[in-house]
Full PDB file with SEQRES, HELIX, SHEET, SSBOND, CRYST1, ORIGX, SCALE, CONECT and MASTER records, all heavy atoms in Angstrom:
SEQRES   1 A   35  LEU SER GLY GLY ASN PRO ALA ASN PHE LEU ASP VAL GLY          
SEQRES   2 A   35  GLY THR ALA ASN ALA GLU ARG VAL GLU LYS ALA PHE ARG          
SEQRES   3 A   35  ILE ILE LEU LYS ASP GLU ASN VAL GLU                          
HELIX    1 AA1 ALA A   18  LEU A   29  1                                  12    
CRYST1    1.000    1.000    1.000  90.00  90.00  90.00 P 1           1          
ORIGX1      1.000000  0.000000  0.000000        0.00000                         
ORIGX2      0.000000  1.000000  0.000000        0.00000                         
ORIGX3      0.000000  0.000000  1.000000        0.00000                         
SCALE1      1.000000  0.000000  0.000000        0.00000                         
SCALE2      0.000000  1.000000  0.000000        0.00000                         
SCALE3      0.000000  0.000000  1.000000        0.00000                         
ATOM      1  N   LEU A   1      -9.572  -9.393  20.416  1.00  0.00           N  
ATOM      2  CA  LEU A   1      -9.532  -8.889  21.785  1.00  0.00           C  
ATOM      3  C   LEU A   1      -9.256  -7.386  21.833  1.00  0.00           C  
ATOM      4  O   LEU A   1      -9.603  -6.722  22.809  1.00  0.00           O  
ATOM      5  CB  LEU A   1      -8.463  -9.637  22.591  1.00  0.00           C  
ATOM      6  CG  LEU A   1      -8.774 -11.110  22.917  1.00  0.00           C  
ATOM      7  CD1 LEU A   1      -7.540 -11.810  23.463  1.00  0.00           C  
ATOM      8  CD2 LEU A   1      -9.921 -11.212  23.918  1.00  0.00           C  
ATOM      9  N   SER A   2      -8.646  -6.866  20.775  1.00  0.00           N  
ATOM     10  CA  SER A   2      -8.315  -5.442  20.734  1.00  0.00           C  
ATOM     11  C   SER A   2      -9.452  -4.594  20.170  1.00  0.00           C  
ATOM     12  O   SER A   2      -9.292  -3.390  19.975  1.00  0.00           O  
ATOM     13  CB  SER A   2      -7.059  -5.219  19.884  1.00  0.00           C  
ATOM     14  OG  SER A   2      -5.991  -5.973  20.391  1.00  0.00           O  
ATOM     15  N   GLY A   3     -10.568  -5.233  19.874  1.00  0.00           N  
ATOM     16  CA  GLY A   3     -11.723  -4.481  19.377  1.00  0.00           C  
ATOM     17  C   GLY A   3     -11.857  -4.467  17.869  1.00  0.00           C  
ATOM     18  O   GLY A   3     -12.765  -3.843  17.327  1.00  0.00           O  
ATOM     19  N   GLY A   4     -10.952  -5.161  17.166  1.00  0.00           N  
ATOM     20  CA  GLY A   4     -11.060  -5.249  15.711  1.00  0.00           C  
ATOM     21  C   GLY A   4     -11.577  -6.608  15.278  1.00  0.00           C  
ATOM     22  O   GLY A   4     -11.903  -7.466  16.106  1.00  0.00           O  
ATOM     23  N   ASN A   5     -11.644  -6.802  13.978  1.00  0.00           N  
ATOM     24  CA  ASN A   5     -12.024  -8.100  13.412  1.00  0.00           C  
ATOM     25  C   ASN A   5     -11.054  -8.437  12.294  1.00  0.00           C  
ATOM     26  O   ASN A   5     -10.794  -7.584  11.426  1.00  0.00           O  
ATOM     27  CB  ASN A   5     -13.455  -8.056  12.849  1.00  0.00           C  
ATOM     28  CG  ASN A   5     -14.491  -8.226  13.931  1.00  0.00           C  
ATOM     29  OD1 ASN A   5     -14.476  -9.190  14.682  1.00  0.00           O  
ATOM     30  ND2 ASN A   5     -15.402  -7.257  14.034  1.00  0.00           N  
ATOM     31  N   PRO A   6     -10.491  -9.641  12.286  1.00  0.00           N  
ATOM     32  CA  PRO A   6      -9.534  -9.988  11.223  1.00  0.00           C  
ATOM     33  C   PRO A   6     -10.191  -9.983   9.844  1.00  0.00           C  
ATOM     34  O   PRO A   6     -11.288 -10.502   9.670  1.00  0.00           O  
ATOM     35  CB  PRO A   6      -9.047 -11.385  11.609  1.00  0.00           C  
ATOM     36  CG  PRO A   6     -10.034 -11.910  12.599  1.00  0.00           C  
ATOM     37  CD  PRO A   6     -10.656 -10.732  13.262  1.00  0.00           C  
ATOM     38  N   ALA A   7      -9.505  -9.369   8.882  1.00  0.00           N  
ATOM     39  CA  ALA A   7     -10.025  -9.288   7.515  1.00  0.00           C  
ATOM     40  C   ALA A   7      -9.559 -10.465   6.678  1.00  0.00           C  
ATOM     41  O   ALA A   7     -10.055 -10.689   5.575  1.00  0.00           O  
ATOM     42  CB  ALA A   7      -9.578  -7.977   6.866  1.00  0.00           C  
ATOM     43  N   ASN A   8      -8.567 -11.198   7.201  1.00  0.00           N  
ATOM     44  CA  ASN A   8      -8.046 -12.330   6.438  1.00  0.00           C  
ATOM     45  C   ASN A   8      -7.171 -13.207   7.327  1.00  0.00           C  
ATOM     46  O   ASN A   8      -6.782 -12.819   8.433  1.00  0.00           O  
ATOM     47  CB  ASN A   8      -7.208 -11.832   5.253  1.00  0.00           C  
ATOM     48  CG  ASN A   8      -5.982 -11.057   5.709  1.00  0.00           C  
ATOM     49  OD1 ASN A   8      -6.042  -9.851   5.870  1.00  0.00           O  
ATOM     50  ND2 ASN A   8      -4.883 -11.755   5.949  1.00  0.00           N  
ATOM     51  N   PHE A   9      -6.892 -14.392   6.818  1.00  0.00           N  
ATOM     52  CA  PHE A   9      -5.844 -15.264   7.357  1.00  0.00           C  
ATOM     53  C   PHE A   9      -4.779 -15.291   6.274  1.00  0.00           C  
ATOM     54  O   PHE A   9      -5.067 -15.660   5.134  1.00  0.00           O  
ATOM     55  CB  PHE A   9      -6.415 -16.666   7.601  1.00  0.00           C  
ATOM     56  CG  PHE A   9      -5.381 -17.723   7.893  1.00  0.00           C  
ATOM     57  CD1 PHE A   9      -5.112 -18.102   9.188  1.00  0.00           C  
ATOM     58  CD2 PHE A   9      -4.676 -18.341   6.868  1.00  0.00           C  
ATOM     59  CE1 PHE A   9      -4.156 -19.076   9.466  1.00  0.00           C  
ATOM     60  CE2 PHE A   9      -3.725 -19.310   7.129  1.00  0.00           C  
ATOM     61  CZ  PHE A   9      -3.472 -19.679   8.437  1.00  0.00           C  
ATOM     62  N   LEU A  10      -3.542 -14.848   6.614  1.00  0.00           N  
ATOM     63  CA  LEU A  10      -2.490 -14.856   5.608  1.00  0.00           C  
ATOM     64  C   LEU A  10      -1.185 -15.326   6.229  1.00  0.00           C  
ATOM     65  O   LEU A  10      -0.647 -14.687   7.135  1.00  0.00           O  
ATOM     66  CB  LEU A  10      -2.311 -13.460   4.995  1.00  0.00           C  
ATOM     67  CG  LEU A  10      -1.506 -13.427   3.673  1.00  0.00           C  
ATOM     68  CD1 LEU A  10      -1.823 -12.163   2.892  1.00  0.00           C  
ATOM     69  CD2 LEU A  10      -0.016 -13.531   3.876  1.00  0.00           C  
ATOM     70  N   ASP A  11      -0.705 -16.468   5.751  1.00  0.00           N  
ATOM     71  CA  ASP A  11       0.559 -17.050   6.212  1.00  0.00           C  
ATOM     72  C   ASP A  11       1.575 -16.889   5.078  1.00  0.00           C  
ATOM     73  O   ASP A  11       1.436 -17.503   4.022  1.00  0.00           O  
ATOM     74  CB  ASP A  11       0.338 -18.528   6.560  1.00  0.00           C  
ATOM     75  CG  ASP A  11       1.621 -19.268   6.898  1.00  0.00           C  
ATOM     76  OD1 ASP A  11       2.656 -18.599   7.078  1.00  0.00           O  
ATOM     77  OD2 ASP A  11       1.594 -20.509   6.983  1.00  0.00           O  
ATOM     78  N   VAL A  12       2.595 -16.013   5.295  1.00  0.00           N  
ATOM     79  CA  VAL A  12       3.590 -15.775   4.235  1.00  0.00           C  
ATOM     80  C   VAL A  12       4.672 -16.847   4.212  1.00  0.00           C  
ATOM     81  O   VAL A  12       5.526 -16.856   3.326  1.00  0.00           O  
ATOM     82  CB  VAL A  12       4.250 -14.376   4.364  1.00  0.00           C  
ATOM     83  CG1 VAL A  12       3.271 -13.286   4.074  1.00  0.00           C  
ATOM     84  CG2 VAL A  12       4.909 -14.192   5.715  1.00  0.00           C  
ATOM     85  N   GLY A  13       4.661 -17.737   5.196  1.00  0.00           N  
ATOM     86  CA  GLY A  13       5.645 -18.819   5.224  1.00  0.00           C  
ATOM     87  C   GLY A  13       6.970 -18.391   5.823  1.00  0.00           C  
ATOM     88  O   GLY A  13       7.120 -17.291   6.353  1.00  0.00           O  
ATOM     89  N   GLY A  14       7.956 -19.260   5.727  1.00  0.00           N  
ATOM     90  CA  GLY A  14       9.243 -19.032   6.393  1.00  0.00           C  
ATOM     91  C   GLY A  14      10.161 -18.078   5.667  1.00  0.00           C  
ATOM     92  O   GLY A  14      11.123 -17.581   6.245  1.00  0.00           O  
ATOM     93  N   THR A  15       9.885 -17.797   4.373  1.00  0.00           N  
ATOM     94  CA  THR A  15      10.769 -16.906   3.607  1.00  0.00           C  
ATOM     95  C   THR A  15      10.067 -15.580   3.349  1.00  0.00           C  
ATOM     96  O   THR A  15       9.626 -15.306   2.241  1.00  0.00           O  
ATOM     97  CB  THR A  15      11.171 -17.560   2.275  1.00  0.00           C  
ATOM     98  OG1 THR A  15       9.965 -17.956   1.580  1.00  0.00           O  
ATOM     99  CG2 THR A  15      12.042 -18.769   2.501  1.00  0.00           C  
ATOM    100  N   ALA A  16       9.943 -14.772   4.399  1.00  0.00           N  
ATOM    101  CA  ALA A  16       9.215 -13.500   4.284  1.00  0.00           C  
ATOM    102  C   ALA A  16      10.138 -12.434   3.700  1.00  0.00           C  
ATOM    103  O   ALA A  16      10.520 -11.475   4.367  1.00  0.00           O  
ATOM    104  CB  ALA A  16       8.690 -13.086   5.651  1.00  0.00           C  
ATOM    105  N   ASN A  17      10.513 -12.572   2.402  1.00  0.00           N  
ATOM    106  CA  ASN A  17      11.381 -11.593   1.757  1.00  0.00           C  
ATOM    107  C   ASN A  17      10.558 -10.434   1.194  1.00  0.00           C  
ATOM    108  O   ASN A  17       9.332 -10.434   1.255  1.00  0.00           O  
ATOM    109  CB  ASN A  17      12.220 -12.253   0.656  1.00  0.00           C  
ATOM    110  CG  ASN A  17      11.349 -12.983  -0.363  1.00  0.00           C  
ATOM    111  OD1 ASN A  17      10.234 -12.565  -0.652  1.00  0.00           O  
ATOM    112  ND2 ASN A  17      11.863 -14.090  -0.894  1.00  0.00           N  
ATOM    113  N   ALA A  18      11.236  -9.432   0.650  1.00  0.00           N  
ATOM    114  CA  ALA A  18      10.560  -8.215   0.176  1.00  0.00           C  
ATOM    115  C   ALA A  18       9.495  -8.522  -0.874  1.00  0.00           C  
ATOM    116  O   ALA A  18       8.395  -7.947  -0.856  1.00  0.00           O  
ATOM    117  CB  ALA A  18      11.595  -7.254  -0.390  1.00  0.00           C  
ATOM    118  N   GLU A  19       9.821  -9.438  -1.783  1.00  0.00           N  
ATOM    119  CA  GLU A  19       8.881  -9.775  -2.866  1.00  0.00           C  
ATOM    120  C   GLU A  19       7.580 -10.376  -2.312  1.00  0.00           C  
ATOM    121  O   GLU A  19       6.477  -9.988  -2.706  1.00  0.00           O  
ATOM    122  CB  GLU A  19       9.558 -10.750  -3.827  1.00  0.00           C  
ATOM    123  CG  GLU A  19       8.736 -11.048  -5.070  1.00  0.00           C  
ATOM    124  CD  GLU A  19       9.402 -12.078  -5.975  1.00  0.00           C  
ATOM    125  OE1 GLU A  19      10.614 -12.358  -5.776  1.00  0.00           O  
ATOM    126  OE2 GLU A  19       8.708 -12.613  -6.849  1.00  0.00           O  
ATOM    127  N   ARG A  20       7.708 -11.328  -1.386  1.00  0.00           N  
ATOM    128  CA  ARG A  20       6.528 -11.976  -0.803  1.00  0.00           C  
ATOM    129  C   ARG A  20       5.737 -10.989   0.057  1.00  0.00           C  
ATOM    130  O   ARG A  20       4.506 -10.989   0.035  1.00  0.00           O  
ATOM    131  CB  ARG A  20       6.942 -13.187   0.032  1.00  0.00           C  
ATOM    132  CG  ARG A  20       7.391 -14.371  -0.806  1.00  0.00           C  
ATOM    133  CD  ARG A  20       7.955 -15.475   0.064  1.00  0.00           C  
ATOM    134  NE  ARG A  20       6.920 -16.190   0.788  1.00  0.00           N  
ATOM    135  CZ  ARG A  20       6.209 -17.196   0.305  1.00  0.00           C  
ATOM    136  NH1 ARG A  20       6.397 -17.598  -0.934  1.00  0.00           N  
ATOM    137  NH2 ARG A  20       5.308 -17.810   1.032  1.00  0.00           N  
ATOM    138  N   VAL A  21       6.457 -10.157   0.815  1.00  0.00           N  
ATOM    139  CA  VAL A  21       5.782  -9.173   1.662  1.00  0.00           C  
ATOM    140  C   VAL A  21       5.004  -8.178   0.802  1.00  0.00           C  
ATOM    141  O   VAL A  21       3.853  -7.839   1.103  1.00  0.00           O  
ATOM    142  CB  VAL A  21       6.795  -8.437   2.566  1.00  0.00           C  
ATOM    143  CG1 VAL A  21       6.142  -7.250   3.270  1.00  0.00           C  
ATOM    144  CG2 VAL A  21       7.391  -9.395   3.599  1.00  0.00           C  
ATOM    145  N   GLU A  22       5.614  -7.745  -0.296  1.00  0.00           N  
ATOM    146  CA  GLU A  22       4.937  -6.806  -1.196  1.00  0.00           C  
ATOM    147  C   GLU A  22       3.669  -7.437  -1.779  1.00  0.00           C  
ATOM    148  O   GLU A  22       2.613  -6.805  -1.832  1.00  0.00           O  
ATOM    149  CB  GLU A  22       5.881  -6.381  -2.318  1.00  0.00           C  
ATOM    150  CG  GLU A  22       5.250  -5.381  -3.275  1.00  0.00           C  
ATOM    151  CD  GLU A  22       6.184  -4.960  -4.402  1.00  0.00           C  
ATOM    152  OE1 GLU A  22       7.421  -5.121  -4.250  1.00  0.00           O  
ATOM    153  OE2 GLU A  22       5.679  -4.484  -5.436  1.00  0.00           O  
ATOM    154  N   LYS A  23       3.788  -8.679  -2.226  1.00  0.00           N  
ATOM    155  CA  LYS A  23       2.633  -9.379  -2.798  1.00  0.00           C  
ATOM    156  C   LYS A  23       1.525  -9.510  -1.748  1.00  0.00           C  
ATOM    157  O   LYS A  23       0.346  -9.293  -2.044  1.00  0.00           O  
ATOM    158  CB  LYS A  23       3.065 -10.769  -3.281  1.00  0.00           C  
ATOM    159  CG  LYS A  23       1.998 -11.508  -4.066  1.00  0.00           C  
ATOM    160  CD  LYS A  23       1.744 -10.865  -5.402  1.00  0.00           C  
ATOM    161  CE  LYS A  23       0.719 -11.610  -6.227  1.00  0.00           C  
ATOM    162  NZ  LYS A  23       0.382 -10.931  -7.473  1.00  0.00           N  
ATOM    163  N   ALA A  24       1.933  -9.838  -0.502  1.00  0.00           N  
ATOM    164  CA  ALA A  24       0.960  -9.983   0.582  1.00  0.00           C  
ATOM    165  C   ALA A  24       0.249  -8.658   0.858  1.00  0.00           C  
ATOM    166  O   ALA A  24      -0.979  -8.609   1.019  1.00  0.00           O  
ATOM    167  CB  ALA A  24       1.652 -10.488   1.843  1.00  0.00           C  
ATOM    168  N   PHE A  25       1.016  -7.559   0.890  1.00  0.00           N  
ATOM    169  CA  PHE A  25       0.416  -6.233   1.101  1.00  0.00           C  
ATOM    170  C   PHE A  25      -0.603  -5.923   0.006  1.00  0.00           C  
ATOM    171  O   PHE A  25      -1.712  -5.450   0.271  1.00  0.00           O  
ATOM    172  CB  PHE A  25       1.499  -5.141   1.097  1.00  0.00           C  
ATOM    173  CG  PHE A  25       2.118  -4.885   2.445  1.00  0.00           C  
ATOM    174  CD1 PHE A  25       3.491  -4.676   2.562  1.00  0.00           C  
ATOM    175  CD2 PHE A  25       1.343  -4.830   3.595  1.00  0.00           C  
ATOM    176  CE1 PHE A  25       4.076  -4.438   3.796  1.00  0.00           C  
ATOM    177  CE2 PHE A  25       1.927  -4.597   4.834  1.00  0.00           C  
ATOM    178  CZ  PHE A  25       3.288  -4.395   4.933  1.00  0.00           C  
ATOM    179  N   ARG A  26      -0.222  -6.176  -1.231  1.00  0.00           N  
ATOM    180  CA  ARG A  26      -1.112  -5.855  -2.367  1.00  0.00           C  
ATOM    181  C   ARG A  26      -2.415  -6.651  -2.290  1.00  0.00           C  
ATOM    182  O   ARG A  26      -3.489  -6.135  -2.600  1.00  0.00           O  
ATOM    183  CB  ARG A  26      -0.403  -6.111  -3.693  1.00  0.00           C  
ATOM    184  CG  ARG A  26       0.729  -5.134  -3.975  1.00  0.00           C  
ATOM    185  CD  ARG A  26       1.289  -5.298  -5.380  1.00  0.00           C  
ATOM    186  NE  ARG A  26       2.444  -4.450  -5.624  1.00  0.00           N  
ATOM    187  CZ  ARG A  26       2.376  -3.155  -5.964  1.00  0.00           C  
ATOM    188  NH1 ARG A  26       1.206  -2.571  -6.095  1.00  0.00           N  
ATOM    189  NH2 ARG A  26       3.494  -2.464  -6.172  1.00  0.00           N  
ATOM    190  N   ILE A  27      -2.306  -7.913  -1.882  1.00  0.00           N  
ATOM    191  CA  ILE A  27      -3.504  -8.758  -1.769  1.00  0.00           C  
ATOM    192  C   ILE A  27      -4.403  -8.260  -0.636  1.00  0.00           C  
ATOM    193  O   ILE A  27      -5.620  -8.138  -0.799  1.00  0.00           O  
ATOM    194  CB  ILE A  27      -3.097 -10.236  -1.566  1.00  0.00           C  
ATOM    195  CG1 ILE A  27      -2.561 -10.808  -2.883  1.00  0.00           C  
ATOM    196  CG2 ILE A  27      -4.278 -11.068  -1.066  1.00  0.00           C  
ATOM    197  CD1 ILE A  27      -1.886 -12.143  -2.759  1.00  0.00           C  
ATOM    198  N   ILE A  28      -3.804  -7.937   0.511  1.00  0.00           N  
ATOM    199  CA  ILE A  28      -4.592  -7.440   1.649  1.00  0.00           C  
ATOM    200  C   ILE A  28      -5.296  -6.136   1.289  1.00  0.00           C  
ATOM    201  O   ILE A  28      -6.465  -5.922   1.618  1.00  0.00           O  
ATOM    202  CB  ILE A  28      -3.690  -7.246   2.892  1.00  0.00           C  
ATOM    203  CG1 ILE A  28      -3.211  -8.598   3.427  1.00  0.00           C  
ATOM    204  CG2 ILE A  28      -4.432  -6.482   3.994  1.00  0.00           C  
ATOM    205  CD1 ILE A  28      -2.145  -8.504   4.504  1.00  0.00           C  
ATOM    206  N   LEU A  29      -4.585  -5.238   0.567  1.00  0.00           N  
ATOM    207  CA  LEU A  29      -5.128  -3.914   0.249  1.00  0.00           C  
ATOM    208  C   LEU A  29      -6.240  -3.953  -0.797  1.00  0.00           C  
ATOM    209  O   LEU A  29      -6.904  -2.939  -1.031  1.00  0.00           O  
ATOM    210  CB  LEU A  29      -3.996  -2.991  -0.216  1.00  0.00           C  
ATOM    211  CG  LEU A  29      -3.010  -2.575   0.893  1.00  0.00           C  
ATOM    212  CD1 LEU A  29      -1.776  -1.914   0.292  1.00  0.00           C  
ATOM    213  CD2 LEU A  29      -3.687  -1.640   1.883  1.00  0.00           C  
ATOM    214  N   LYS A  30      -6.441  -5.107  -1.429  1.00  0.00           N  
ATOM    215  CA  LYS A  30      -7.564  -5.227  -2.369  1.00  0.00           C  
ATOM    216  C   LYS A  30      -8.903  -5.197  -1.641  1.00  0.00           C  
ATOM    217  O   LYS A  30      -9.949  -4.941  -2.239  1.00  0.00           O  
ATOM    218  CB  LYS A  30      -7.447  -6.523  -3.173  1.00  0.00           C  
ATOM    219  CG  LYS A  30      -6.367  -6.468  -4.235  1.00  0.00           C  
ATOM    220  CD  LYS A  30      -6.377  -7.701  -5.109  1.00  0.00           C  
ATOM    221  CE  LYS A  30      -5.353  -7.538  -6.231  1.00  0.00           C  
ATOM    222  NZ  LYS A  30      -5.373  -8.646  -7.185  1.00  0.00           N  
ATOM    223  N   ASP A  31      -8.867  -5.500  -0.331  1.00  0.00           N  
ATOM    224  CA  ASP A  31     -10.082  -5.499   0.476  1.00  0.00           C  
ATOM    225  C   ASP A  31     -10.345  -4.076   0.959  1.00  0.00           C  
ATOM    226  O   ASP A  31      -9.584  -3.508   1.750  1.00  0.00           O  
ATOM    227  CB  ASP A  31      -9.905  -6.444   1.673  1.00  0.00           C  
ATOM    228  CG  ASP A  31     -11.183  -6.606   2.492  1.00  0.00           C  
ATOM    229  OD1 ASP A  31     -12.131  -5.808   2.308  1.00  0.00           O  
ATOM    230  OD2 ASP A  31     -11.228  -7.531   3.326  1.00  0.00           O  
ATOM    231  N   GLU A  32     -11.432  -3.470   0.488  1.00  0.00           N  
ATOM    232  CA  GLU A  32     -11.750  -2.077   0.825  1.00  0.00           C  
ATOM    233  C   GLU A  32     -12.126  -1.896   2.292  1.00  0.00           C  
ATOM    234  O   GLU A  32     -12.145  -0.770   2.804  1.00  0.00           O  
ATOM    235  CB  GLU A  32     -12.888  -1.576  -0.070  1.00  0.00           C  
ATOM    236  CG  GLU A  32     -12.497  -1.497  -1.540  1.00  0.00           C  
ATOM    237  CD  GLU A  32     -13.665  -1.124  -2.430  1.00  0.00           C  
ATOM    238  OE1 GLU A  32     -14.792  -0.972  -1.893  1.00  0.00           O  
ATOM    239  OE2 GLU A  32     -13.460  -0.970  -3.649  1.00  0.00           O  
ATOM    240  N   ASN A  33     -12.440  -2.986   2.979  1.00  0.00           N  
ATOM    241  CA  ASN A  33     -12.842  -2.884   4.388  1.00  0.00           C  
ATOM    242  C   ASN A  33     -11.655  -2.796   5.346  1.00  0.00           C  
ATOM    243  O   ASN A  33     -11.843  -2.525   6.537  1.00  0.00           O  
ATOM    244  CB  ASN A  33     -13.709  -4.091   4.784  1.00  0.00           C  
ATOM    245  CG  ASN A  33     -15.008  -4.129   4.010  1.00  0.00           C  
ATOM    246  OD1 ASN A  33     -15.624  -3.101   3.769  1.00  0.00           O  
ATOM    247  ND2 ASN A  33     -15.420  -5.320   3.582  1.00  0.00           N  
ATOM    248  N   VAL A  34     -10.440  -3.026   4.846  1.00  0.00           N  
ATOM    249  CA  VAL A  34      -9.255  -3.025   5.709  1.00  0.00           C  
ATOM    250  C   VAL A  34      -8.934  -1.607   6.172  1.00  0.00           C  
ATOM    251  O   VAL A  34      -8.747  -0.698   5.365  1.00  0.00           O  
ATOM    252  CB  VAL A  34      -8.043  -3.646   4.979  1.00  0.00           C  
ATOM    253  CG1 VAL A  34      -6.762  -3.418   5.771  1.00  0.00           C  
ATOM    254  CG2 VAL A  34      -8.264  -5.140   4.777  1.00  0.00           C  
ATOM    255  N   GLU A  35      -8.868  -1.430   7.507  1.00  0.00           N  
ATOM    256  CA  GLU A  35      -8.569  -0.122   8.102  1.00  0.00           C  
ATOM    257  C   GLU A  35      -7.171  -0.076   8.712  1.00  0.00           C  
ATOM    258  O   GLU A  35      -6.660   1.003   9.053  1.00  0.00           O  
ATOM    259  CB  GLU A  35      -9.603   0.205   9.190  1.00  0.00           C  
ATOM    260  CG  GLU A  35     -11.028   0.325   8.659  1.00  0.00           C  
ATOM    261  CD  GLU A  35     -12.049   0.482   9.772  1.00  0.00           C  
ATOM    262  OE1 GLU A  35     -11.657   0.880  10.891  1.00  0.00           O  
ATOM    263  OE2 GLU A  35     -13.232   0.205   9.533  1.00  0.00           O  
TER     264      GLU A  35                                                      
MASTER        0    0    0    1    0    0    0    6  263    1    0    3          
END                                                                             
């Protein structure tokens, strides 16, 4: 609705600690289309 398109579906679960968040960021950033 904001004019973008989702690049992924990512559910980090209930324990969103630094380690999981970092891993999630690294995985998302592997996609060169992410702006």
